Amino acid sequence: MSDARPDLSRALGTAAGVGLLAVVTGRTKLALLGSVAAGTAAALTLSRRHADEQTNSISDQIRELEQALATQVQRRMDAEEAVRSLSEQLSVAEKRADEASAPIVLSDSGVGGTALVDPVTGLLNQEYFVVALDSRIAAARRHLRPVSVAVIQVVDGREADNRPNAEPVVVADALRATLRECDTLTHLHHGCFGVVLEDTTESGAISTMERLRLHLAEHHPSLTLWVGVACYPAHALTAGELIDRADTALAAARDWHQSRIEVAADE
């Protein structure tokens, strides 16, 4: 009987210890679970905060892109408006250029009763020459094309110093035979001839005048041809300057006894 009591006491003590251990272990588990839950909550909070920051950053980028896009759209609208404005200005300029380069309608007499057609040769006269050259230069400036002018003198004879001018009708017929229909042929006041070669470079003008020289040499071998050539825009930019340069070149050609085609010197 006495041996049973200690066994019972040890059993009760063991059970109490086990119960106490269970309580302590349970509390530890609860503490660990609480710690884990707190850590998870903190991690979720940090993750959410990071996600919010990313969302805010993306929103800022979207706003910046929208502003940039709005700026580009406005610039494009401004550019289109500028293009429309320039197109209108170009249309007005083209209309004025068309009016300036329109063919001149001839009548029997010009302003103040001055005839525009030379009665001897049937060619246009010096007044028309100046107006036509100015008109062709305006059109050439608009289309970025060249224009050449040639001042021509043909004399009768091959060697003498004071040779008279050749018959105007002979020269006029030679010009009609060798030049294009679009070229302007005129008989000037001092017995010379003025030619406007539209859309013609310096080399083209020389070639044209060479055809005239060969024609005269074949059909009128006793005649001498002197030519002064000037080109827009290489030698001058206005009609008056171009005629002056061609006259200067003609004066240089006269220094030769034989036929000579002289081109204006580059400045």
C-alpha atoms as a PDB file:
ATOM      1  CA  MET A   1       0.000   0.000   0.000  1.00  0.00           C
ATOM      2  CA  SER A   2       2.801   2.329   0.854  1.00  0.00           C
ATOM      3  CA  ASP A   3       4.502   1.496  -2.456  1.00  0.00           C
ATOM      4  CA  ALA A   4       1.416   2.433  -4.446  1.00  0.00           C
ATOM      5  CA  ARG A   5       1.217   5.970  -3.096  1.00  0.00           C
ATOM      6  CA  PRO A   6       4.633   7.080  -4.333  1.00  0.00           C
ATOM      7  CA  ASP A   7       3.801   5.668  -7.758  1.00  0.00           C
ATOM      8  CA  LEU A   8       0.570   7.614  -7.740  1.00  0.00           C
ATOM      9  CA  SER A   9       2.389  10.738  -6.635  1.00  0.00           C
ATOM     10  CA  ARG A  10       4.941  10.316  -9.416  1.00  0.00           C
ATOM     11  CA  ALA A  11       2.216   9.727 -11.929  1.00  0.00           C
ATOM     12  CA  LEU A  12       0.375  12.851 -10.829  1.00  0.00           C
ATOM     13  CA  GLY A  13       3.611  14.841 -10.921  1.00  0.00           C
ATOM     14  CA  THR A  14       4.370  13.563 -14.367  1.00  0.00           C
ATOM     15  CA  ALA A  15       0.896  14.411 -15.565  1.00  0.00           C
ATOM     16  CA  ALA A  16       1.174  17.886 -14.069  1.00  0.00           C
ATOM     17  CA  GLY A  17       4.515  18.363 -15.756  1.00  0.00           C
ATOM     18  CA  VAL A  18       3.141  17.188 -19.024  1.00  0.00           C
ATOM     19  CA  GLY A  19       0.182  19.515 -18.666  1.00  0.00           C
ATOM     20  CA  LEU A  20       2.447  22.418 -17.796  1.00  0.00           C
ATOM     21  CA  LEU A  21       4.683  21.580 -20.733  1.00  0.00           C
ATOM     22  CA  ALA A  22       1.684  21.420 -22.994  1.00  0.00           C
ATOM     23  CA  VAL A  23       0.556  24.810 -21.768  1.00  0.00           C
ATOM     24  CA  VAL A  24       3.997  26.264 -22.276  1.00  0.00           C
ATOM     25  CA  THR A  25       4.339  24.644 -25.707  1.00  0.00           C
ATOM     26  CA  GLY A  26       0.901  25.900 -26.732  1.00  0.00           C
ATOM     27  CA  ARG A  27       1.782  29.413 -25.678  1.00  0.00           C
ATOM     28  CA  THR A  28       5.040  29.184 -27.627  1.00  0.00           C
ATOM     29  CA  LYS A  29       3.183  28.021 -30.704  1.00  0.00           C
ATOM     30  CA  LEU A  30       0.707  30.836 -30.320  1.00  0.00           C
ATOM     31  CA  ALA A  31       3.562  33.272 -29.903  1.00  0.00           C
ATOM     32  CA  LEU A  32       5.280  31.893 -33.000  1.00  0.00           C
ATOM     33  CA  LEU A  33       2.054  32.006 -34.954  1.00  0.00           C
ATOM     34  CA  GLY A  34       1.525  35.580 -33.839  1.00  0.00           C
ATOM     35  CA  SER A  35       5.045  36.502 -34.861  1.00  0.00           C
ATOM     36  CA  VAL A  36       4.574  34.865 -38.249  1.00  0.00           C
ATOM     37  CA  ALA A  37       1.246  36.611 -38.702  1.00  0.00           C
ATOM     38  CA  ALA A  38       2.798  39.946 -37.759  1.00  0.00           C
ATOM     39  CA  GLY A  39       5.689  39.378 -40.172  1.00  0.00           C
ATOM     40  CA  THR A  40       3.304  38.410 -42.940  1.00  0.00           C
ATOM     41  CA  ALA A  41       1.177  41.476 -42.285  1.00  0.00           C
ATOM     42  CA  ALA A  42       4.265  43.680 -42.342  1.00  0.00           C
ATOM     43  CA  ALA A  43       5.407  42.060 -45.591  1.00  0.00           C
ATOM     44  CA  LEU A  44       1.981  42.552 -47.104  1.00  0.00           C
ATOM     45  CA  THR A  45       2.023  46.171 -45.985  1.00  0.00           C
ATOM     46  CA  LEU A  46       5.444  46.730 -47.556  1.00  0.00           C
ATOM     47  CA  SER A  47       4.397  44.936 -50.728  1.00  0.00           C
ATOM     48  CA  ARG A  48       1.239  47.012 -50.958  1.00  0.00           C
ATOM     49  CA  ARG A  49       3.193  50.188 -50.327  1.00  0.00           C
ATOM     50  CA  HIS A  50       5.652  49.204 -53.052  1.00  0.00           C
ATOM     51  CA  ALA A  51       2.776  48.401 -55.390  1.00  0.00           C
ATOM     52  CA  ASP A  52       1.225  51.794 -54.612  1.00  0.00           C
ATOM     53  CA  GLU A  53       4.522  53.483 -55.358  1.00  0.00           C
ATOM     54  CA  GLN A  54       4.807  51.632 -58.675  1.00  0.00           C
ATOM     55  CA  THR A  55       1.216  52.545 -59.486  1.00  0.00           C
ATOM     56  CA  ASN A  56       1.900  56.201 -58.722  1.00  0.00           C
ATOM     57  CA  SER A  57       5.072  56.079 -60.835  1.00  0.00           C
ATOM     58  CA  ILE A  58       3.218  54.525 -63.756  1.00  0.00           C
ATOM     59  CA  SER A  59       0.458  57.119 -63.376  1.00  0.00           C
ATOM     60  CA  ASP A  60       3.072  59.898 -63.478  1.00  0.00           C
ATOM     61  CA  GLN A  61       4.614  58.375 -66.601  1.00  0.00           C
ATOM     62  CA  ILE A  62       1.200  58.134 -68.222  1.00  0.00           C
ATOM     63  CA  ARG A  63       0.520  61.786 -67.436  1.00  0.00           C
ATOM     64  CA  GLU A  64       3.897  62.778 -68.880  1.00  0.00           C
ATOM     65  CA  LEU A  65       3.208  60.765 -72.035  1.00  0.00           C
ATOM     66  CA  GLU A  66      -0.214  62.356 -72.363  1.00  0.00           C
ATOM     67  CA  GLN A  67       1.313  65.815 -71.993  1.00  0.00           C
ATOM     68  CA  ALA A  68       4.027  64.990 -74.543  1.00  0.00           C
ATOM     69  CA  LEU A  69       1.400  63.645 -76.932  1.00  0.00           C
ATOM     70  CA  ALA A  70      -0.720  66.748 -76.473  1.00  0.00           C
ATOM     71  CA  THR A  71       2.345  68.904 -77.189  1.00  0.00           C
ATOM     72  CA  GLN A  72       3.104  66.948 -80.369  1.00  0.00           C
ATOM     73  CA  VAL A  73      -0.495  67.208 -81.520  1.00  0.00           C
ATOM     74  CA  GLN A  74      -0.432  70.964 -80.947  1.00  0.00           C
ATOM     75  CA  ARG A  75       2.838  71.288 -82.835  1.00  0.00           C
ATOM     76  CA  ARG A  76       1.434  69.283 -85.713  1.00  0.00           C
ATOM     77  CA  MET A  77      -1.649  71.479 -85.792  1.00  0.00           C
ATOM     78  CA  ASP A  78       0.591  74.566 -85.803  1.00  0.00           C
ATOM     79  CA  ALA A  79       2.705  73.057 -88.605  1.00  0.00           C
ATOM     80  CA  GLU A  80      -0.395  72.263 -90.671  1.00  0.00           C
ATOM     81  CA  GLU A  81      -1.621  75.807 -90.165  1.00  0.00           C
ATOM     82  CA  ALA A  82       1.769  77.130 -91.266  1.00  0.00           C
ATOM     83  CA  VAL A  83       1.657  74.889 -94.357  1.00  0.00           C
ATOM     84  CA  ARG A  84      -1.833  76.151 -95.210  1.00  0.00           C
ATOM     85  CA  SER A  85      -0.645  79.724 -94.825  1.00  0.00           C
ATOM     86  CA  LEU A  86       2.401  79.115 -97.031  1.00  0.00           C
ATOM     87  CA  SER A  87       0.249  77.344 -99.610  1.00  0.00           C
ATOM     88  CA  GLU A  88      -2.039  80.356 -99.775  1.00  0.00           C
ATOM     89  CA  GLN A  89       0.949  82.679-100.154  1.00  0.00           C
ATOM     90  CA  LEU A  90       2.406  80.427-102.875  1.00  0.00           C
ATOM     91  CA  SER A  91      -0.923  80.393-104.688  1.00  0.00           C
ATOM     92  CA  VAL A  92      -1.022  84.190-104.648  1.00  0.00           C
ATOM     93  CA  ALA A  93       2.605  84.369-105.809  1.00  0.00           C
ATOM     94  CA  GLU A  94       1.961  81.894-108.631  1.00  0.00           C
ATOM     95  CA  LYS A  95      -1.061  83.885-109.737  1.00  0.00           C
ATOM     96  CA  ARG A  96       0.999  87.062-109.846  1.00  0.00           C
ATOM     97  CA  ALA A  97       3.800  85.258-111.692  1.00  0.00           C
ATOM     98  CA  ASP A  98       1.301  83.887-114.213  1.00  0.00           C
ATOM     99  CA  GLU A  99      -0.012  87.382-114.780  1.00  0.00           C
ATOM    100  CA  ALA A 100       3.527  88.680-115.173  1.00  0.00           C
ATOM    101  CA  SER A 101       4.572  85.916-117.592  1.00  0.00           C
ATOM    102  CA  ALA A 102       1.375  85.844-119.631  1.00  0.00           C
ATOM    103  CA  PRO A 103       1.849  86.370-123.366  1.00  0.00           C
ATOM    104  CA  ILE A 104       1.648  89.985-124.423  1.00  0.00           C
ATOM    105  CA  VAL A 105      -1.200  90.623-126.821  1.00  0.00           C
ATOM    106  CA  LEU A 106       0.010  92.686-129.732  1.00  0.00           C
ATOM    107  CA  SER A 107      -1.911  95.370-131.515  1.00  0.00           C
ATOM    108  CA  ASP A 108      -0.959  97.666-134.328  1.00  0.00           C
ATOM    109  CA  SER A 109       0.341 100.204-131.836  1.00  0.00           C
ATOM    110  CA  GLY A 110       1.423 100.279-128.244  1.00  0.00           C
ATOM    111  CA  VAL A 111       1.109 102.928-125.580  1.00  0.00           C
ATOM    112  CA  GLY A 112       1.156 106.412-127.107  1.00  0.00           C
ATOM    113  CA  GLY A 113       0.817 105.005-130.605  1.00  0.00           C
ATOM    114  CA  THR A 114       4.260 103.313-130.592  1.00  0.00           C
ATOM    115  CA  ALA A 115       4.214 100.258-132.898  1.00  0.00           C
ATOM    116  CA  LEU A 116       5.436  96.993-131.370  1.00  0.00           C
ATOM    117  CA  VAL A 117       6.211  95.376-134.743  1.00  0.00           C
ATOM    118  CA  ASP A 118       9.077  96.562-136.904  1.00  0.00           C
ATOM    119  CA  PRO A 119       7.608  97.386-140.330  1.00  0.00           C
ATOM    120  CA  VAL A 120      10.796  96.475-142.219  1.00  0.00           C
ATOM    121  CA  THR A 121      11.511  92.993-140.841  1.00  0.00           C
ATOM    122  CA  GLY A 122       8.150  92.046-139.361  1.00  0.00           C
ATOM    123  CA  LEU A 123       9.926  91.256-136.095  1.00  0.00           C
ATOM    124  CA  LEU A 124       9.022  92.732-132.732  1.00  0.00           C
ATOM    125  CA  ASN A 125      10.840  95.903-131.747  1.00  0.00           C
ATOM    126  CA  GLN A 126      13.036  97.041-128.862  1.00  0.00           C
ATOM    127  CA  GLU A 127      10.119  98.043-126.591  1.00  0.00           C
ATOM    128  CA  TYR A 128       8.765  94.527-126.766  1.00  0.00           C
ATOM    129  CA  PHE A 129      12.263  93.090-126.307  1.00  0.00           C
ATOM    130  CA  VAL A 130      12.683  94.764-122.903  1.00  0.00           C
ATOM    131  CA  VAL A 131       9.192  93.833-121.675  1.00  0.00           C
ATOM    132  CA  ALA A 132       9.448  90.236-122.937  1.00  0.00           C
ATOM    133  CA  LEU A 133      12.860  89.723-121.329  1.00  0.00           C
ATOM    134  CA  ASP A 134      11.608  91.023-117.995  1.00  0.00           C
ATOM    135  CA  SER A 135       8.605  88.701-118.218  1.00  0.00           C
ATOM    136  CA  ARG A 136      10.752  85.665-119.109  1.00  0.00           C
ATOM    137  CA  ILE A 137      13.095  86.368-116.193  1.00  0.00           C
ATOM    138  CA  ALA A 138      10.124  86.525-113.799  1.00  0.00           C
ATOM    139  CA  ALA A 139       8.931  83.129-115.050  1.00  0.00           C
ATOM    140  CA  ALA A 140      12.464  81.697-114.904  1.00  0.00           C
ATOM    141  CA  ARG A 141      12.870  82.890-111.321  1.00  0.00           C
ATOM    142  CA  ARG A 142       9.638  81.185-110.381  1.00  0.00           C
ATOM    143  CA  HIS A 143      10.509  77.860-112.019  1.00  0.00           C
ATOM    144  CA  LEU A 144      14.276  78.000-111.363  1.00  0.00           C
ATOM    145  CA  ARG A 145      15.075  77.885-115.071  1.00  0.00           C
ATOM    146  CA  PRO A 146      17.763  79.714-117.100  1.00  0.00           C
ATOM    147  CA  VAL A 147      17.186  82.423-119.682  1.00  0.00           C
ATOM    148  CA  SER A 148      19.715  83.645-122.227  1.00  0.00           C
ATOM    149  CA  VAL A 149      19.776  86.859-124.224  1.00  0.00           C
ATOM    150  CA  ALA A 150      21.809  87.533-127.359  1.00  0.00           C
ATOM    151  CA  VAL A 151      22.474  90.899-128.973  1.00  0.00           C
ATOM    152  CA  ILE A 152      23.406  90.363-132.627  1.00  0.00           C
ATOM    153  CA  GLN A 153      25.021  92.547-135.253  1.00  0.00           C
ATOM    154  CA  VAL A 154      25.534  91.410-138.844  1.00  0.00           C
ATOM    155  CA  VAL A 155      27.656  93.516-141.186  1.00  0.00           C
ATOM    156  CA  ASP A 156      28.270  93.305-144.913  1.00  0.00           C
ATOM    157  CA  GLY A 157      31.871  92.480-145.711  1.00  0.00           C
ATOM    158  CA  ARG A 158      34.692  90.422-144.253  1.00  0.00           C
ATOM    159  CA  GLU A 159      37.720  92.708-143.829  1.00  0.00           C
ATOM    160  CA  ALA A 160      36.988  96.460-143.876  1.00  0.00           C
ATOM    161  CA  ASP A 161      36.821  98.410-140.618  1.00  0.00           C
ATOM    162  CA  ASN A 162      33.705 100.456-141.379  1.00  0.00           C
ATOM    163  CA  ARG A 163      31.384  97.820-142.757  1.00  0.00           C
ATOM    164  CA  PRO A 164      27.679  98.691-143.028  1.00  0.00           C
ATOM    165  CA  ASN A 165      24.972  96.665-141.391  1.00  0.00           C
ATOM    166  CA  ALA A 166      23.574  93.861-143.486  1.00  0.00           C
ATOM    167  CA  GLU A 167      20.087  94.082-144.925  1.00  0.00           C
ATOM    168  CA  PRO A 168      17.681  93.684-141.940  1.00  0.00           C
ATOM    169  CA  VAL A 169      15.347  91.415-143.909  1.00  0.00           C
ATOM    170  CA  VAL A 170      18.211  88.994-144.661  1.00  0.00           C
ATOM    171  CA  VAL A 171      19.135  88.751-140.984  1.00  0.00           C
ATOM    172  CA  ALA A 172      15.488  88.426-139.918  1.00  0.00           C
ATOM    173  CA  ASP A 173      14.963  85.543-142.356  1.00  0.00           C
ATOM    174  CA  ALA A 174      18.120  83.813-141.069  1.00  0.00           C
ATOM    175  CA  LEU A 175      16.895  84.161-137.480  1.00  0.00           C
ATOM    176  CA  ARG A 176      13.504  82.682-138.343  1.00  0.00           C
ATOM    177  CA  ALA A 177      15.202  79.781-140.121  1.00  0.00           C
ATOM    178  CA  THR A 178      17.502  78.822-137.259  1.00  0.00           C
ATOM    179  CA  LEU A 179      15.719  79.680-133.989  1.00  0.00           C
ATOM    180  CA  ARG A 180      12.788  78.019-132.222  1.00  0.00           C
ATOM    181  CA  GLU A 181       9.224  79.293-132.317  1.00  0.00           C
ATOM    182  CA  CYS A 182       9.315  79.873-128.550  1.00  0.00           C
ATOM    183  CA  ASP A 183      12.323  82.211-128.859  1.00  0.00           C
ATOM    184  CA  THR A 184      11.675  85.954-128.994  1.00  0.00           C
ATOM    185  CA  LEU A 185      13.171  87.695-132.064  1.00  0.00           C
ATOM    186  CA  THR A 186      13.364  91.497-132.117  1.00  0.00           C
ATOM    187  CA  HIS A 187      14.881  94.267-134.267  1.00  0.00           C
ATOM    188  CA  LEU A 188      16.544  96.901-132.084  1.00  0.00           C
ATOM    189  CA  HIS A 189      16.883 100.640-132.626  1.00  0.00           C
ATOM    190  CA  HIS A 190      20.595 100.737-133.522  1.00  0.00           C
ATOM    191  CA  GLY A 191      20.327  98.154-136.276  1.00  0.00           C
ATOM    192  CA  CYS A 192      21.170  95.192-134.097  1.00  0.00           C
ATOM    193  CA  PHE A 193      18.893  92.283-133.232  1.00  0.00           C
ATOM    194  CA  GLY A 194      17.881  91.061-129.792  1.00  0.00           C
ATOM    195  CA  VAL A 195      16.988  87.444-129.071  1.00  0.00           C
ATOM    196  CA  VAL A 196      15.506  85.990-125.863  1.00  0.00           C
ATOM    197  CA  LEU A 197      16.195  82.264-125.524  1.00  0.00           C
ATOM    198  CA  GLU A 198      13.815  80.812-122.962  1.00  0.00           C
ATOM    199  CA  ASP A 199      14.975  77.870-120.801  1.00  0.00           C
ATOM    200  CA  THR A 200      18.431  78.039-122.400  1.00  0.00           C
ATOM    201  CA  THR A 201      21.802  77.852-120.672  1.00  0.00           C
ATOM    202  CA  GLU A 202      25.029  79.537-121.779  1.00  0.00           C
ATOM    203  CA  SER A 203      26.125  76.497-123.783  1.00  0.00           C
ATOM    204  CA  GLY A 204      22.692  76.246-125.407  1.00  0.00           C
ATOM    205  CA  ALA A 205      22.820  79.917-126.396  1.00  0.00           C
ATOM    206  CA  ILE A 206      26.284  79.474-127.946  1.00  0.00           C
ATOM    207  CA  SER A 207      25.046  76.443-129.890  1.00  0.00           C
ATOM    208  CA  THR A 208      22.040  78.398-131.175  1.00  0.00           C
ATOM    209  CA  MET A 209      24.180  81.328-132.302  1.00  0.00           C
ATOM    210  CA  GLU A 210      26.598  78.904-133.957  1.00  0.00           C
ATOM    211  CA  ARG A 211      23.688  77.527-136.029  1.00  0.00           C
ATOM    212  CA  LEU A 212      22.925  81.097-137.090  1.00  0.00           C
ATOM    213  CA  ARG A 213      26.574  81.660-138.052  1.00  0.00           C
ATOM    214  CA  LEU A 214      26.662  78.486-140.151  1.00  0.00           C
ATOM    215  CA  HIS A 215      23.399  79.433-141.866  1.00  0.00           C
ATOM    216  CA  LEU A 216      24.757  82.857-142.806  1.00  0.00           C
ATOM    217  CA  ALA A 217      28.098  81.377-143.915  1.00  0.00           C
ATOM    218  CA  GLU A 218      26.266  78.967-146.215  1.00  0.00           C
ATOM    219  CA  HIS A 219      23.716  81.336-147.701  1.00  0.00           C
ATOM    220  CA  HIS A 220      25.442  84.729-147.324  1.00  0.00           C
ATOM    221  CA  PRO A 221      29.205  84.123-147.141  1.00  0.00           C
ATOM    222  CA  SER A 222      30.052  87.816-147.409  1.00  0.00           C
ATOM    223  CA  LEU A 223      28.406  88.653-144.088  1.00  0.00           C
ATOM    224  CA  THR A 224      30.120  88.819-140.713  1.00  0.00           C
ATOM    225  CA  LEU A 225      28.272  87.921-137.522  1.00  0.00           C
ATOM    226  CA  TRP A 226      29.051  89.375-134.104  1.00  0.00           C
ATOM    227  CA  VAL A 227      27.108  88.205-131.066  1.00  0.00           C
ATOM    228  CA  GLY A 228      27.135  89.121-127.379  1.00  0.00           C
ATOM    229  CA  VAL A 229      25.550  86.531-125.044  1.00  0.00           C
ATOM    230  CA  ALA A 230      24.505  86.913-121.390  1.00  0.00           C
ATOM    231  CA  CYS A 231      22.579  84.461-119.230  1.00  0.00           C
ATOM    232  CA  TYR A 232      20.243  84.606-116.245  1.00  0.00           C
ATOM    233  CA  PRO A 233      21.138  83.940-113.451  1.00  0.00           C
ATOM    234  CA  ALA A 234      24.824  83.390-114.230  1.00  0.00           C
ATOM    235  CA  HIS A 235      25.600  86.927-115.406  1.00  0.00           C
ATOM    236  CA  ALA A 236      22.765  89.121-114.147  1.00  0.00           C
ATOM    237  CA  LEU A 237      19.439  88.978-112.306  1.00  0.00           C
ATOM    238  CA  THR A 238      17.422  91.738-114.013  1.00  0.00           C
ATOM    239  CA  ALA A 239      16.510  92.509-117.608  1.00  0.00           C
ATOM    240  CA  GLY A 240      18.423  95.808-117.695  1.00  0.00           C
ATOM    241  CA  GLU A 241      21.596  94.271-116.264  1.00  0.00           C
ATOM    242  CA  LEU A 242      21.353  91.305-118.632  1.00  0.00           C
ATOM    243  CA  ILE A 243      21.075  93.565-121.687  1.00  0.00           C
ATOM    244  CA  ASP A 244      24.040  95.646-120.490  1.00  0.00           C
ATOM    245  CA  ARG A 245      26.162  92.512-120.073  1.00  0.00           C
ATOM    246  CA  ALA A 246      25.185  91.287-123.545  1.00  0.00           C
ATOM    247  CA  ASP A 247      26.028  94.719-125.058  1.00  0.00           C
ATOM    248  CA  THR A 248      29.447  94.604-123.386  1.00  0.00           C
ATOM    249  CA  ALA A 249      30.062  91.134-124.812  1.00  0.00           C
ATOM    250  CA  LEU A 250      28.996  92.364-128.274  1.00  0.00           C
ATOM    251  CA  ALA A 251      31.511  95.221-128.053  1.00  0.00           C
ATOM    252  CA  ALA A 252      34.225  92.651-127.330  1.00  0.00           C
ATOM    253  CA  ALA A 253      33.114  90.564-130.333  1.00  0.00           C
ATOM    254  CA  ARG A 254      33.423  93.623-132.627  1.00  0.00           C
ATOM    255  CA  ASP A 255      37.158  93.682-131.926  1.00  0.00           C
ATOM    256  CA  TRP A 256      37.466  90.668-134.208  1.00  0.00           C
ATOM    257  CA  HIS A 257      37.374  91.027-138.015  1.00  0.00           C
ATOM    258  CA  GLN A 258      35.817  87.613-138.514  1.00  0.00           C
ATOM    259  CA  SER A 259      32.550  86.306-137.093  1.00  0.00           C
ATOM    260  CA  ARG A 260      32.664  86.023-133.320  1.00  0.00           C
ATOM    261  CA  ILE A 261      30.347  84.855-130.525  1.00  0.00           C
ATOM    262  CA  GLU A 262      31.368  86.422-127.213  1.00  0.00           C
ATOM    263  CA  VAL A 263      29.930  85.466-123.805  1.00  0.00           C
ATOM    264  CA  ALA A 264      29.667  87.913-120.919  1.00  0.00           C
ATOM    265  CA  ALA A 265      32.514  87.582-118.435  1.00  0.00           C
ATOM    266  CA  ASP A 266      31.770  86.217-114.974  1.00  0.00           C
ATOM    267  CA  GLU A 267      32.006  88.805-112.204  1.00  0.00           C
END
